[in-house]
N, C-alpha and C. Protein backbone atom coordinates (compact mmCIF):
# COMPACT_ATOMS: atom_id res chain seq x y z
N MET A 1 33.05 97.16 -102.62
CA MET A 1 33.36 97.68 -103.92
C MET A 1 34.70 98.48 -103.81
N SER A 2 35.63 98.14 -104.68
CA SER A 2 36.90 98.82 -104.70
C SER A 2 36.79 100.35 -105.25
N GLU A 3 37.58 101.15 -104.87
CA GLU A 3 37.50 102.50 -105.28
C GLU A 3 38.60 102.69 -106.34
N MET A 4 38.28 103.81 -107.19
CA MET A 4 39.31 104.16 -108.24
C MET A 4 39.79 105.51 -107.96
N THR A 5 41.12 105.55 -107.91
CA THR A 5 41.80 106.93 -107.52
C THR A 5 42.18 107.56 -108.84
N ILE A 6 41.73 108.88 -108.91
CA ILE A 6 42.11 109.68 -110.17
C ILE A 6 42.34 111.14 -109.75
N GLU A 7 43.38 111.66 -110.36
CA GLU A 7 43.76 112.99 -110.18
C GLU A 7 42.90 113.98 -111.05
N VAL A 8 42.43 115.05 -110.29
CA VAL A 8 41.63 116.02 -111.07
C VAL A 8 42.28 117.38 -110.90
N GLN A 9 41.91 118.31 -111.69
CA GLN A 9 42.30 119.63 -111.63
C GLN A 9 41.10 120.60 -111.54
N LYS A 10 41.28 121.71 -110.88
CA LYS A 10 40.29 122.76 -110.80
C LYS A 10 40.21 123.45 -112.22
N ARG A 11 38.95 123.88 -112.46
CA ARG A 11 38.77 124.70 -113.77
C ARG A 11 38.48 126.09 -113.35
N ASP A 12 39.41 126.98 -113.78
CA ASP A 12 39.28 128.39 -113.63
C ASP A 12 38.28 129.03 -114.53
N LYS A 13 38.24 128.40 -115.73
CA LYS A 13 37.33 128.99 -116.73
C LYS A 13 36.23 128.00 -117.09
N THR A 14 34.98 128.53 -117.35
CA THR A 14 33.93 127.62 -117.71
C THR A 14 33.25 128.16 -119.00
N GLY A 15 32.27 127.42 -119.42
CA GLY A 15 31.52 127.99 -120.68
C GLY A 15 31.73 126.95 -121.77
N THR A 16 30.88 127.14 -122.81
CA THR A 16 30.91 126.19 -124.01
C THR A 16 32.19 126.23 -124.71
N ASN A 17 32.75 127.38 -124.99
CA ASN A 17 33.99 127.29 -125.68
C ASN A 17 35.15 126.78 -124.91
N GLU A 18 35.23 127.06 -123.62
CA GLU A 18 36.26 126.55 -122.81
C GLU A 18 36.09 124.98 -122.73
N ASN A 19 34.92 124.49 -122.60
CA ASN A 19 34.79 122.99 -122.43
C ASN A 19 35.12 122.40 -123.76
N ARG A 20 34.82 123.03 -124.89
CA ARG A 20 35.29 122.40 -126.24
C ARG A 20 36.72 122.29 -126.31
N ARG A 21 37.39 123.28 -125.73
CA ARG A 21 38.93 123.38 -125.90
C ARG A 21 39.47 122.21 -124.99
N LEU A 22 38.82 121.99 -123.82
CA LEU A 22 39.34 120.96 -122.93
C LEU A 22 39.11 119.60 -123.55
N ARG A 23 37.95 119.39 -124.24
CA ARG A 23 37.65 118.00 -124.84
C ARG A 23 38.69 117.87 -126.00
N SER A 24 39.01 118.84 -126.70
CA SER A 24 40.03 118.73 -127.78
C SER A 24 41.40 118.36 -127.30
N ALA A 25 41.64 118.79 -126.03
CA ALA A 25 42.91 118.51 -125.45
C ALA A 25 43.02 117.24 -124.70
N GLY A 26 41.90 116.44 -124.66
CA GLY A 26 41.92 115.21 -124.08
C GLY A 26 41.36 115.14 -122.69
N PHE A 27 40.68 116.25 -122.27
CA PHE A 27 40.15 116.40 -120.90
C PHE A 27 38.67 116.23 -120.88
N ILE A 28 38.04 115.91 -119.72
CA ILE A 28 36.56 115.85 -119.59
C ILE A 28 36.22 116.98 -118.56
N PRO A 29 35.43 117.93 -118.94
CA PRO A 29 34.95 118.87 -117.86
C PRO A 29 34.00 118.23 -117.02
N ALA A 30 33.97 118.60 -115.82
CA ALA A 30 33.09 117.94 -114.70
C ALA A 30 32.86 118.97 -113.56
N VAL A 31 31.98 118.54 -112.67
CA VAL A 31 31.75 119.32 -111.47
C VAL A 31 31.67 118.28 -110.27
N VAL A 32 31.89 118.83 -109.11
CA VAL A 32 31.82 117.99 -107.91
C VAL A 32 30.85 118.77 -106.94
N TYR A 33 29.79 118.16 -106.44
CA TYR A 33 28.90 118.89 -105.47
C TYR A 33 28.33 117.86 -104.37
N GLY A 34 27.63 118.39 -103.51
CA GLY A 34 27.05 117.56 -102.41
C GLY A 34 27.81 117.71 -101.17
N ALA A 35 27.36 116.82 -100.09
CA ALA A 35 27.86 116.84 -98.76
C ALA A 35 27.95 118.22 -98.15
N GLY A 36 26.98 119.15 -98.39
CA GLY A 36 26.90 120.44 -97.80
C GLY A 36 28.06 121.36 -98.29
N LYS A 37 28.68 121.04 -99.20
CA LYS A 37 29.80 121.93 -99.70
C LYS A 37 29.46 122.48 -101.19
N GLN A 38 30.15 123.56 -101.49
CA GLN A 38 29.72 124.25 -102.71
C GLN A 38 30.32 123.41 -103.86
N THR A 39 29.64 123.73 -105.05
CA THR A 39 29.82 122.99 -106.34
C THR A 39 31.34 123.45 -106.89
N VAL A 40 32.12 122.62 -107.26
CA VAL A 40 33.52 122.89 -107.72
C VAL A 40 33.67 122.46 -109.10
N PRO A 41 33.94 123.20 -110.09
CA PRO A 41 34.26 122.81 -111.50
C PRO A 41 35.64 122.15 -111.62
N ILE A 42 35.74 121.04 -112.11
CA ILE A 42 36.99 120.39 -112.32
C ILE A 42 37.18 119.80 -113.73
N GLN A 43 38.39 119.20 -113.97
CA GLN A 43 38.57 118.57 -115.26
C GLN A 43 39.41 117.31 -114.98
N LEU A 44 39.33 116.30 -115.75
CA LEU A 44 40.07 115.13 -115.59
C LEU A 44 40.49 114.53 -116.91
N ASP A 45 41.55 113.77 -116.96
CA ASP A 45 42.04 113.16 -118.22
C ASP A 45 41.23 112.04 -118.66
N ARG A 46 40.78 112.10 -119.94
CA ARG A 46 39.85 111.13 -120.49
C ARG A 46 40.45 109.76 -120.51
N LYS A 47 41.66 109.68 -121.02
CA LYS A 47 42.24 108.28 -121.18
C LYS A 47 42.48 107.64 -119.82
N THR A 48 42.95 108.44 -118.85
CA THR A 48 43.07 108.04 -117.47
C THR A 48 41.82 107.35 -116.83
N LEU A 49 40.62 108.14 -117.08
CA LEU A 49 39.49 107.61 -116.64
C LEU A 49 38.95 106.38 -117.31
N LEU A 50 39.12 106.29 -118.71
CA LEU A 50 38.69 105.08 -119.33
C LEU A 50 39.61 103.99 -119.02
N ASP A 51 40.91 104.08 -118.83
CA ASP A 51 41.78 103.03 -118.39
C ASP A 51 41.31 102.50 -117.04
N LEU A 52 41.03 103.47 -116.11
CA LEU A 52 40.72 102.94 -114.83
C LEU A 52 39.39 102.03 -114.81
N ILE A 53 38.45 102.54 -115.50
CA ILE A 53 37.17 101.74 -115.65
C ILE A 53 37.49 100.41 -116.29
N LYS A 54 38.22 100.44 -117.37
CA LYS A 54 38.45 99.12 -118.06
C LYS A 54 39.28 98.18 -117.02
N ALA A 55 40.18 98.78 -116.36
CA ALA A 55 40.90 97.79 -115.36
C ALA A 55 40.07 97.33 -114.29
N SER A 56 39.14 98.02 -113.90
CA SER A 56 38.16 97.66 -112.80
C SER A 56 37.28 96.48 -113.22
N GLY A 57 37.19 96.22 -114.55
CA GLY A 57 36.40 95.03 -114.94
C GLY A 57 34.87 95.46 -115.02
N GLY A 58 34.56 96.75 -114.96
CA GLY A 58 33.14 97.01 -115.06
C GLY A 58 32.90 98.41 -115.51
N GLY A 59 31.68 98.91 -115.45
CA GLY A 59 31.38 100.22 -115.82
C GLY A 59 31.53 101.25 -114.82
N SER A 60 31.13 102.40 -115.05
CA SER A 60 31.24 103.51 -114.04
C SER A 60 30.05 103.55 -113.11
N GLU A 61 28.95 102.87 -113.48
CA GLU A 61 27.77 102.91 -112.66
C GLU A 61 27.98 102.29 -111.30
N ASN A 62 27.70 103.12 -110.22
CA ASN A 62 27.81 102.78 -108.79
C ASN A 62 29.29 102.71 -108.41
N ALA A 63 30.18 103.03 -109.26
CA ALA A 63 31.65 103.08 -108.86
C ALA A 63 31.98 104.19 -107.93
N ILE A 64 32.91 103.93 -107.05
CA ILE A 64 33.40 104.92 -106.10
C ILE A 64 34.74 105.45 -106.55
N PHE A 65 34.79 106.79 -106.61
CA PHE A 65 36.10 107.39 -107.06
C PHE A 65 36.78 108.24 -105.90
N LEU A 66 37.91 108.13 -105.82
CA LEU A 66 38.73 109.01 -104.89
C LEU A 66 39.30 110.13 -105.82
N LEU A 67 38.82 111.26 -105.64
CA LEU A 67 39.27 112.37 -106.49
C LEU A 67 40.25 113.09 -105.74
N LYS A 68 41.50 113.13 -106.30
CA LYS A 68 42.64 113.80 -105.66
C LYS A 68 42.96 115.14 -106.43
N LEU A 69 42.78 116.18 -105.79
CA LEU A 69 42.97 117.51 -106.42
C LEU A 69 44.42 117.82 -106.48
N ALA A 70 44.86 118.08 -107.77
CA ALA A 70 46.21 118.31 -108.10
C ALA A 70 46.67 119.80 -107.57
N GLY A 71 47.84 119.82 -106.85
CA GLY A 71 48.39 120.96 -106.33
C GLY A 71 47.73 121.49 -105.07
N SER A 72 46.99 120.55 -104.51
CA SER A 72 46.24 121.08 -103.23
C SER A 72 46.93 120.61 -101.91
N GLY A 73 47.92 119.87 -102.04
CA GLY A 73 48.64 119.39 -100.82
C GLY A 73 47.94 118.18 -100.22
N GLY A 74 47.26 117.33 -101.04
CA GLY A 74 46.67 116.19 -100.52
C GLY A 74 45.19 116.22 -100.33
N GLN A 75 44.51 117.21 -100.87
CA GLN A 75 43.11 117.44 -100.74
C GLN A 75 42.40 116.32 -101.58
N GLU A 76 41.50 115.56 -100.92
CA GLU A 76 40.86 114.47 -101.78
C GLU A 76 39.46 114.18 -101.29
N ARG A 77 38.55 113.71 -102.13
CA ARG A 77 37.12 113.47 -101.77
C ARG A 77 36.68 112.26 -102.44
N HIS A 78 35.82 111.47 -101.73
CA HIS A 78 35.19 110.29 -102.30
C HIS A 78 33.95 110.84 -102.95
N ALA A 79 33.69 110.21 -104.21
CA ALA A 79 32.53 110.74 -105.01
C ALA A 79 32.04 109.51 -105.86
N MET A 80 30.83 109.85 -106.30
CA MET A 80 30.21 108.76 -107.29
C MET A 80 29.59 109.58 -108.40
N ILE A 81 29.58 108.98 -109.61
CA ILE A 81 29.03 109.65 -110.77
C ILE A 81 27.55 109.69 -110.69
N HIS A 82 27.01 110.99 -110.65
CA HIS A 82 25.53 111.12 -110.62
C HIS A 82 24.95 111.27 -112.07
N ASP A 83 25.75 111.91 -112.90
CA ASP A 83 25.32 111.97 -114.26
C ASP A 83 26.47 112.00 -115.23
N LEU A 84 26.40 111.22 -116.25
CA LEU A 84 27.47 111.27 -117.22
C LEU A 84 26.91 111.47 -118.62
N GLN A 85 27.37 112.53 -119.17
CA GLN A 85 26.76 112.95 -120.54
C GLN A 85 27.65 112.34 -121.71
N VAL A 86 27.11 111.74 -122.68
CA VAL A 86 27.88 111.17 -123.79
C VAL A 86 27.33 111.78 -125.04
N ASP A 87 28.33 112.04 -125.91
CA ASP A 87 27.89 112.64 -127.29
C ASP A 87 27.23 111.59 -128.15
N PRO A 88 26.08 111.82 -128.63
CA PRO A 88 25.26 110.83 -129.32
C PRO A 88 25.99 110.38 -130.67
N VAL A 89 26.80 111.14 -131.24
CA VAL A 89 27.52 110.80 -132.48
C VAL A 89 28.86 110.17 -132.26
N THR A 90 29.76 110.82 -131.37
CA THR A 90 31.21 110.26 -131.27
C THR A 90 31.11 109.21 -130.11
N ARG A 91 30.12 109.24 -129.16
CA ARG A 91 29.94 108.20 -128.06
C ARG A 91 31.13 108.52 -127.04
N GLN A 92 31.61 109.88 -127.03
CA GLN A 92 32.71 110.12 -126.10
C GLN A 92 32.02 110.83 -124.88
N VAL A 93 32.54 110.65 -123.73
CA VAL A 93 32.10 111.39 -122.57
C VAL A 93 32.32 112.85 -122.72
N VAL A 94 31.29 113.70 -122.52
CA VAL A 94 31.59 115.18 -122.83
C VAL A 94 31.42 115.91 -121.41
N HIS A 95 30.81 115.27 -120.35
CA HIS A 95 30.66 115.92 -119.14
C HIS A 95 30.28 115.05 -118.00
N ILE A 96 30.80 115.21 -116.74
CA ILE A 96 30.43 114.40 -115.63
C ILE A 96 30.04 115.20 -114.40
N ASP A 97 29.00 114.79 -113.77
CA ASP A 97 28.62 115.39 -112.49
C ASP A 97 29.00 114.36 -111.39
N PHE A 98 30.02 114.72 -110.54
CA PHE A 98 30.37 113.82 -109.41
C PHE A 98 29.62 114.31 -108.09
N GLN A 99 29.11 113.47 -107.43
CA GLN A 99 28.39 113.66 -106.11
C GLN A 99 29.28 113.12 -105.02
N ARG A 100 29.65 114.04 -104.01
CA ARG A 100 30.38 113.70 -102.85
C ARG A 100 29.68 112.66 -102.05
N ILE A 101 30.42 111.78 -101.49
CA ILE A 101 29.94 110.82 -100.51
C ILE A 101 30.77 110.71 -99.27
N LEU A 102 30.23 110.25 -98.16
CA LEU A 102 31.00 110.09 -97.00
C LEU A 102 31.06 108.51 -96.73
N MET A 103 32.18 107.96 -96.58
CA MET A 103 32.35 106.41 -96.55
C MET A 103 31.71 105.91 -95.41
N ASP A 104 31.42 106.71 -94.40
CA ASP A 104 30.76 106.08 -93.11
C ASP A 104 29.37 106.42 -92.97
N GLN A 105 28.72 106.95 -94.17
CA GLN A 105 27.27 107.18 -94.10
C GLN A 105 26.71 106.41 -95.20
N LYS A 106 25.50 105.66 -94.88
CA LYS A 106 24.83 104.87 -95.84
C LYS A 106 24.14 105.77 -97.08
N VAL A 107 24.16 105.09 -98.11
CA VAL A 107 23.62 105.68 -99.40
C VAL A 107 22.46 104.73 -99.87
N ARG A 108 21.60 105.33 -100.50
CA ARG A 108 20.56 104.55 -101.28
C ARG A 108 20.78 104.58 -102.69
N ILE A 109 20.78 103.48 -103.34
CA ILE A 109 21.26 103.35 -104.76
C ILE A 109 20.57 102.27 -105.46
N GLN A 110 20.47 102.40 -106.84
CA GLN A 110 19.92 101.34 -107.58
C GLN A 110 20.99 100.37 -108.03
N VAL A 111 20.68 98.99 -107.86
CA VAL A 111 21.59 98.02 -108.16
C VAL A 111 21.03 97.06 -109.26
N PRO A 112 21.73 96.81 -110.33
CA PRO A 112 21.27 95.89 -111.35
C PRO A 112 21.29 94.50 -110.95
N ILE A 113 20.34 93.76 -111.56
CA ILE A 113 20.26 92.20 -111.28
C ILE A 113 20.81 91.56 -112.44
N GLU A 114 21.55 90.49 -112.22
CA GLU A 114 22.07 89.68 -113.17
C GLU A 114 21.62 88.22 -113.14
N LEU A 115 20.88 87.78 -114.01
CA LEU A 115 20.44 86.39 -114.01
C LEU A 115 21.39 85.31 -114.42
N THR A 116 21.54 84.23 -113.70
CA THR A 116 22.48 83.22 -113.97
C THR A 116 21.68 81.82 -114.19
N GLY A 117 22.31 80.94 -114.97
CA GLY A 117 21.71 79.67 -115.19
C GLY A 117 20.58 79.71 -116.19
N THR A 118 20.18 78.55 -116.71
CA THR A 118 19.01 78.42 -117.61
C THR A 118 17.90 77.80 -116.83
N ALA A 119 16.73 78.49 -116.90
CA ALA A 119 15.67 77.99 -116.21
C ALA A 119 15.08 76.62 -116.76
N TYR A 120 14.71 75.76 -115.77
CA TYR A 120 14.17 74.47 -116.16
C TYR A 120 12.90 74.64 -116.99
N GLY A 121 12.13 75.64 -116.69
CA GLY A 121 10.79 75.85 -117.49
C GLY A 121 11.17 76.23 -118.94
N VAL A 122 12.29 76.88 -119.17
CA VAL A 122 12.74 77.31 -120.51
C VAL A 122 13.29 76.03 -121.21
N LYS A 123 14.21 75.34 -120.52
CA LYS A 123 15.04 74.30 -121.15
C LYS A 123 14.20 73.06 -121.40
N VAL A 124 13.29 72.74 -120.47
CA VAL A 124 12.60 71.42 -120.58
C VAL A 124 11.06 71.70 -120.89
N GLU A 125 10.49 72.70 -120.41
CA GLU A 125 9.08 72.93 -120.68
C GLU A 125 8.63 73.97 -121.73
N ALA A 126 9.63 74.50 -122.43
CA ALA A 126 9.47 75.35 -123.50
C ALA A 126 8.69 76.64 -123.13
N GLY A 127 9.02 77.10 -121.91
CA GLY A 127 8.49 78.24 -121.44
C GLY A 127 9.24 79.52 -121.83
N VAL A 128 8.63 80.69 -121.48
CA VAL A 128 9.21 81.93 -121.73
C VAL A 128 9.54 82.71 -120.40
N LEU A 129 10.78 83.19 -120.34
CA LEU A 129 11.15 83.90 -119.05
C LEU A 129 10.95 85.42 -119.29
N ASP A 130 10.35 86.02 -118.30
CA ASP A 130 10.02 87.47 -118.36
C ASP A 130 10.79 88.08 -117.20
N PHE A 131 11.82 88.96 -117.66
CA PHE A 131 12.75 89.67 -116.68
C PHE A 131 11.91 90.91 -116.38
N VAL A 132 11.15 91.01 -115.44
CA VAL A 132 10.14 92.13 -115.23
C VAL A 132 10.92 93.39 -114.71
N HIS A 133 11.71 93.20 -113.59
CA HIS A 133 12.44 94.43 -113.01
C HIS A 133 13.94 94.00 -113.07
N ARG A 134 14.70 94.79 -113.64
CA ARG A 134 16.10 94.54 -113.81
C ARG A 134 17.14 95.25 -112.78
N GLU A 135 16.51 95.95 -111.79
CA GLU A 135 17.30 96.55 -110.79
C GLU A 135 16.38 96.78 -109.64
N VAL A 136 17.09 96.91 -108.42
CA VAL A 136 16.31 97.21 -107.22
C VAL A 136 17.02 98.27 -106.50
N GLN A 137 16.41 99.04 -105.52
CA GLN A 137 16.97 99.97 -104.73
C GLN A 137 17.39 99.33 -103.44
N VAL A 138 18.62 99.57 -102.97
CA VAL A 138 19.16 99.10 -101.70
C VAL A 138 19.80 100.22 -100.88
N GLU A 139 20.06 100.00 -99.69
CA GLU A 139 20.78 100.89 -98.72
C GLU A 139 21.89 100.19 -98.20
N CYS A 140 23.08 100.87 -98.19
CA CYS A 140 24.29 100.32 -97.54
C CYS A 140 25.37 101.36 -97.52
N LEU A 141 26.47 101.08 -96.89
CA LEU A 141 27.64 101.90 -96.88
C LEU A 141 28.34 101.96 -98.22
N PRO A 142 28.87 103.00 -98.61
CA PRO A 142 29.45 103.13 -99.96
C PRO A 142 30.42 102.00 -100.29
N GLY A 143 31.24 101.55 -99.28
CA GLY A 143 32.10 100.35 -99.44
C GLY A 143 31.50 99.05 -99.73
N ASP A 144 30.17 99.00 -99.48
CA ASP A 144 29.51 97.68 -99.49
C ASP A 144 28.56 97.53 -100.75
N ILE A 145 28.72 98.63 -101.59
CA ILE A 145 27.75 98.68 -102.74
C ILE A 145 28.20 97.47 -103.66
N PRO A 146 27.28 96.58 -103.99
CA PRO A 146 27.63 95.42 -104.92
C PRO A 146 27.57 95.89 -106.38
N LYS A 147 28.36 95.41 -107.31
CA LYS A 147 28.32 95.71 -108.70
C LYS A 147 26.94 95.27 -109.22
N HIS A 148 26.37 94.28 -108.81
CA HIS A 148 25.11 93.58 -109.24
C HIS A 148 24.72 92.57 -108.21
N LEU A 149 23.48 92.19 -108.37
CA LEU A 149 22.93 91.12 -107.52
C LEU A 149 22.74 89.89 -108.34
N GLU A 150 23.24 88.77 -108.11
CA GLU A 150 23.01 87.56 -108.95
C GLU A 150 21.76 86.75 -108.48
N LEU A 151 21.04 86.40 -109.51
CA LEU A 151 19.82 85.59 -109.25
C LEU A 151 19.77 84.32 -110.03
N ASP A 152 19.91 83.17 -109.51
CA ASP A 152 20.05 81.93 -110.15
C ASP A 152 18.58 81.48 -110.40
N VAL A 153 18.25 81.41 -111.77
CA VAL A 153 16.91 80.88 -112.16
C VAL A 153 16.81 79.55 -112.64
N THR A 154 17.93 78.76 -112.35
CA THR A 154 17.97 77.41 -112.87
C THR A 154 16.76 76.55 -112.46
N ALA A 155 16.31 76.61 -111.24
CA ALA A 155 15.10 75.81 -110.78
C ALA A 155 13.69 76.32 -111.11
N LEU A 156 13.62 77.40 -111.78
CA LEU A 156 12.40 78.05 -112.00
C LEU A 156 11.63 77.25 -113.14
N ARG A 157 10.39 77.01 -112.73
CA ARG A 157 9.47 76.25 -113.68
C ARG A 157 8.22 77.14 -114.12
N ILE A 158 7.51 76.64 -115.09
CA ILE A 158 6.41 77.25 -115.53
C ILE A 158 5.43 77.61 -114.52
N GLY A 159 4.87 78.80 -114.43
CA GLY A 159 3.96 79.20 -113.41
C GLY A 159 4.57 79.76 -112.09
N GLN A 160 5.87 79.66 -112.02
CA GLN A 160 6.55 80.24 -110.88
C GLN A 160 7.17 81.59 -111.11
N HIS A 161 7.51 82.37 -110.10
CA HIS A 161 8.29 83.66 -110.24
C HIS A 161 9.07 83.81 -108.99
N VAL A 162 9.93 84.87 -109.07
CA VAL A 162 10.80 85.12 -107.94
C VAL A 162 10.62 86.67 -107.58
N GLU A 163 10.36 86.96 -106.23
CA GLU A 163 10.09 88.19 -105.89
C GLU A 163 11.45 88.90 -105.28
N ALA A 164 11.29 90.20 -105.07
CA ALA A 164 12.45 90.90 -104.65
C ALA A 164 12.97 90.43 -103.31
N GLY A 165 12.01 90.07 -102.38
CA GLY A 165 12.34 89.59 -101.03
C GLY A 165 13.16 88.33 -101.10
N ALA A 166 13.39 87.59 -102.20
CA ALA A 166 14.01 86.35 -102.20
C ALA A 166 15.42 86.50 -102.85
N LEU A 167 15.72 87.84 -103.28
CA LEU A 167 17.03 88.19 -103.82
C LEU A 167 18.22 87.93 -102.74
N PRO A 168 19.26 87.24 -103.08
CA PRO A 168 20.31 87.10 -102.15
C PRO A 168 21.07 88.38 -102.03
N LEU A 169 21.25 88.86 -100.73
CA LEU A 169 21.89 90.18 -100.54
C LEU A 169 23.23 90.10 -99.81
N PRO A 170 24.26 90.72 -100.18
CA PRO A 170 25.51 90.66 -99.47
C PRO A 170 25.34 91.16 -98.08
N ALA A 171 26.33 90.95 -97.20
CA ALA A 171 26.22 91.50 -95.78
C ALA A 171 26.38 93.04 -95.78
N GLY A 172 25.40 93.65 -95.04
CA GLY A 172 25.49 95.09 -94.89
C GLY A 172 24.54 95.75 -95.91
N VAL A 173 23.93 94.98 -96.81
CA VAL A 173 22.98 95.49 -97.84
C VAL A 173 21.58 95.19 -97.44
N VAL A 174 20.75 96.32 -97.54
CA VAL A 174 19.38 96.23 -97.03
C VAL A 174 18.47 96.48 -98.33
N LEU A 175 17.38 95.67 -98.57
CA LEU A 175 16.61 95.82 -99.64
C LEU A 175 15.57 96.98 -99.29
N LEU A 176 15.35 97.94 -100.16
CA LEU A 176 14.28 98.95 -99.97
C LEU A 176 13.02 98.83 -100.79
N GLU A 177 12.99 97.85 -101.65
CA GLU A 177 11.79 97.57 -102.45
C GLU A 177 10.78 96.78 -101.63
N GLU A 178 9.64 96.77 -102.17
CA GLU A 178 8.57 95.96 -101.60
C GLU A 178 8.95 94.56 -101.77
N PRO A 179 8.98 93.76 -100.77
CA PRO A 179 9.40 92.24 -100.84
C PRO A 179 8.51 91.49 -101.90
N ASP A 180 7.39 91.76 -102.26
CA ASP A 180 6.55 90.98 -103.09
C ASP A 180 6.56 91.58 -104.47
N ARG A 181 7.50 92.46 -104.86
CA ARG A 181 7.74 92.90 -106.16
C ARG A 181 8.33 91.84 -106.98
N VAL A 182 7.66 91.51 -108.21
CA VAL A 182 8.08 90.40 -109.03
C VAL A 182 9.22 90.88 -109.82
N ILE A 183 10.38 89.98 -109.74
CA ILE A 183 11.64 90.28 -110.47
C ILE A 183 11.64 89.50 -111.78
N VAL A 184 11.28 88.23 -111.74
CA VAL A 184 11.28 87.46 -112.93
C VAL A 184 10.18 86.44 -112.84
N SER A 185 9.52 86.16 -113.94
CA SER A 185 8.43 85.04 -114.00
C SER A 185 8.63 84.23 -115.23
N LEU A 186 7.95 83.03 -115.12
CA LEU A 186 8.08 82.10 -116.22
C LEU A 186 6.73 81.65 -116.63
N SER A 187 6.31 81.78 -117.85
CA SER A 187 4.99 81.30 -118.30
C SER A 187 5.17 80.48 -119.49
N HIS A 188 4.12 79.81 -119.93
CA HIS A 188 4.09 78.85 -121.06
C HIS A 188 4.04 79.69 -122.30
N ALA A 189 4.82 79.28 -123.36
CA ALA A 189 4.78 80.11 -124.56
C ALA A 189 3.49 80.02 -125.23
N ARG A 190 2.79 78.91 -125.07
CA ARG A 190 1.51 78.76 -125.73
C ARG A 190 0.43 79.74 -125.20
N VAL A 191 0.55 80.29 -124.04
CA VAL A 191 -0.36 81.27 -123.45
C VAL A 191 -0.38 82.45 -124.40
N GLU A 192 0.76 82.97 -124.80
CA GLU A 192 0.80 84.11 -125.67
C GLU A 192 0.25 83.77 -127.15
N ALA A 193 0.59 82.66 -127.58
CA ALA A 193 0.22 82.20 -128.89
C ALA A 193 -1.31 82.03 -129.03
N GLU A 194 -1.84 81.49 -127.94
CA GLU A 194 -3.30 81.31 -127.95
C GLU A 194 -4.05 82.64 -127.82
N ALA A 195 -3.51 83.61 -127.06
CA ALA A 195 -4.14 84.83 -126.91
C ALA A 195 -4.13 85.61 -128.27
N VAL A 196 -3.05 85.46 -128.99
CA VAL A 196 -2.92 86.03 -130.35
C VAL A 196 -3.97 85.44 -131.27
N ALA A 197 -3.99 83.98 -131.29
CA ALA A 197 -4.83 83.31 -132.11
C ALA A 197 -6.32 83.72 -131.90
N ALA A 198 -6.63 83.80 -130.66
CA ALA A 198 -8.01 84.13 -130.28
C ALA A 198 -8.37 85.53 -130.76
N GLY A 199 -7.49 86.33 -130.56
CA GLY A 199 -7.73 87.79 -130.97
C GLY A 199 -7.92 87.93 -132.53
N ALA A 200 -7.18 87.11 -133.29
CA ALA A 200 -7.26 87.17 -134.67
C ALA A 200 -8.52 86.52 -135.13
N GLU A 201 -8.97 85.51 -134.45
CA GLU A 201 -10.19 84.74 -134.82
C GLU A 201 -11.42 85.69 -134.65
N ALA A 202 -11.38 86.37 -133.48
CA ALA A 202 -12.41 87.36 -133.23
C ALA A 202 -12.51 88.45 -134.24
N LEU A 203 -11.43 88.85 -134.71
CA LEU A 203 -11.48 89.91 -135.84
C LEU A 203 -12.02 89.41 -137.13
N LEU A 204 -11.59 88.22 -137.36
CA LEU A 204 -12.07 87.54 -138.72
C LEU A 204 -13.54 87.27 -138.74
N GLU A 205 -14.07 86.82 -137.53
CA GLU A 205 -15.49 86.39 -137.45
C GLU A 205 -16.33 87.63 -137.42
N GLY A 206 -15.87 88.69 -136.67
CA GLY A 206 -16.63 89.92 -136.44
C GLY A 206 -17.94 89.68 -135.80
N ASP A 207 -18.79 90.60 -135.92
CA ASP A 207 -20.20 90.55 -135.31
C ASP A 207 -21.14 89.96 -136.31
N LYS A 208 -21.53 88.70 -136.06
CA LYS A 208 -22.50 87.97 -137.03
C LYS A 208 -23.96 88.28 -136.87
N SER A 209 -24.32 89.23 -136.04
CA SER A 209 -25.69 89.48 -135.82
C SER A 209 -26.17 90.22 -137.00
N GLU A 210 -27.48 89.95 -137.27
CA GLU A 210 -28.17 90.51 -138.54
C GLU A 210 -28.35 91.97 -138.34
N PRO A 211 -28.10 92.80 -139.38
CA PRO A 211 -28.32 94.25 -139.22
C PRO A 211 -29.75 94.58 -139.32
N GLU A 212 -30.12 95.66 -138.74
CA GLU A 212 -31.47 96.09 -138.73
C GLU A 212 -31.81 96.76 -140.06
N VAL A 213 -32.95 96.36 -140.70
CA VAL A 213 -33.19 96.80 -142.06
C VAL A 213 -34.40 97.86 -141.86
N ILE A 214 -34.07 99.02 -142.36
CA ILE A 214 -35.06 100.17 -142.22
C ILE A 214 -35.78 100.30 -143.68
N LYS A 215 -36.94 100.01 -143.74
CA LYS A 215 -37.69 100.10 -145.02
C LYS A 215 -38.07 101.56 -145.26
N LYS A 216 -37.88 102.08 -146.43
CA LYS A 216 -38.32 103.33 -146.71
C LYS A 216 -39.61 103.24 -147.50
N GLY A 217 -40.57 104.08 -147.19
CA GLY A 217 -41.82 104.01 -147.89
C GLY A 217 -42.84 104.97 -147.18
N LYS A 218 -44.05 105.06 -147.80
CA LYS A 218 -45.05 105.98 -147.30
C LYS A 218 -45.65 105.33 -146.13
N THR A 219 -45.89 106.04 -145.14
CA THR A 219 -46.65 105.57 -143.91
C THR A 219 -48.08 105.55 -144.25
N ASP A 220 -48.94 104.87 -143.43
CA ASP A 220 -50.28 104.88 -143.61
C ASP A 220 -50.93 106.14 -143.54
N GLU A 221 -50.31 106.99 -142.81
CA GLU A 221 -50.94 108.38 -142.54
C GLU A 221 -50.71 109.25 -143.92
N GLU A 222 -49.44 108.98 -144.55
CA GLU A 222 -49.17 109.63 -145.70
C GLU A 222 -50.05 109.10 -146.84
N SER A 223 -50.35 107.78 -146.79
CA SER A 223 -51.17 107.28 -147.82
C SER A 223 -52.57 107.86 -147.79
């Protein structure tokens, strides 16, 4: 995975009002932490970040950033985004947590799965494809993190499934999931329809057993 280089600046002031001012000026407040070092508050240009992500052809998930500290004489750190906060109304990034990483030390990370092809069971047998798990955990060096894992489902037929152990992995990437974890399965569409029909029929029919009738009247003893 290629890295994205971006210049950042230290923040001398923190707090809600200061962060609001930074956002109004086109900056994103952020912090950098991890790797046994103290947390450092920073800020970065919003447009520069968005342009970088757009130019990379993907999102910020699992992306590696080389953060260059302005005015530090060349101080820089590799980091990944651990948490990215987005305003629910404006959809603008309002805060970022960067986690420091070492390029020669392996990391454990969730990688999304991307399905390719049209399953035979869907195209020919009118089946339904169930994408059970859309990401898996892997371990690798930061430079080997794949953007996604491609899974070709073209040959999949009704009654078949693909397990995590069958996922094609790039060199240097190790799967941490249970190998028998189902990633995608294919079943017949009629199975679901029949189950719904059977449930509806049961509700309509109800319990046809005769109710117990309790007769009220005087007992022999009362007579």
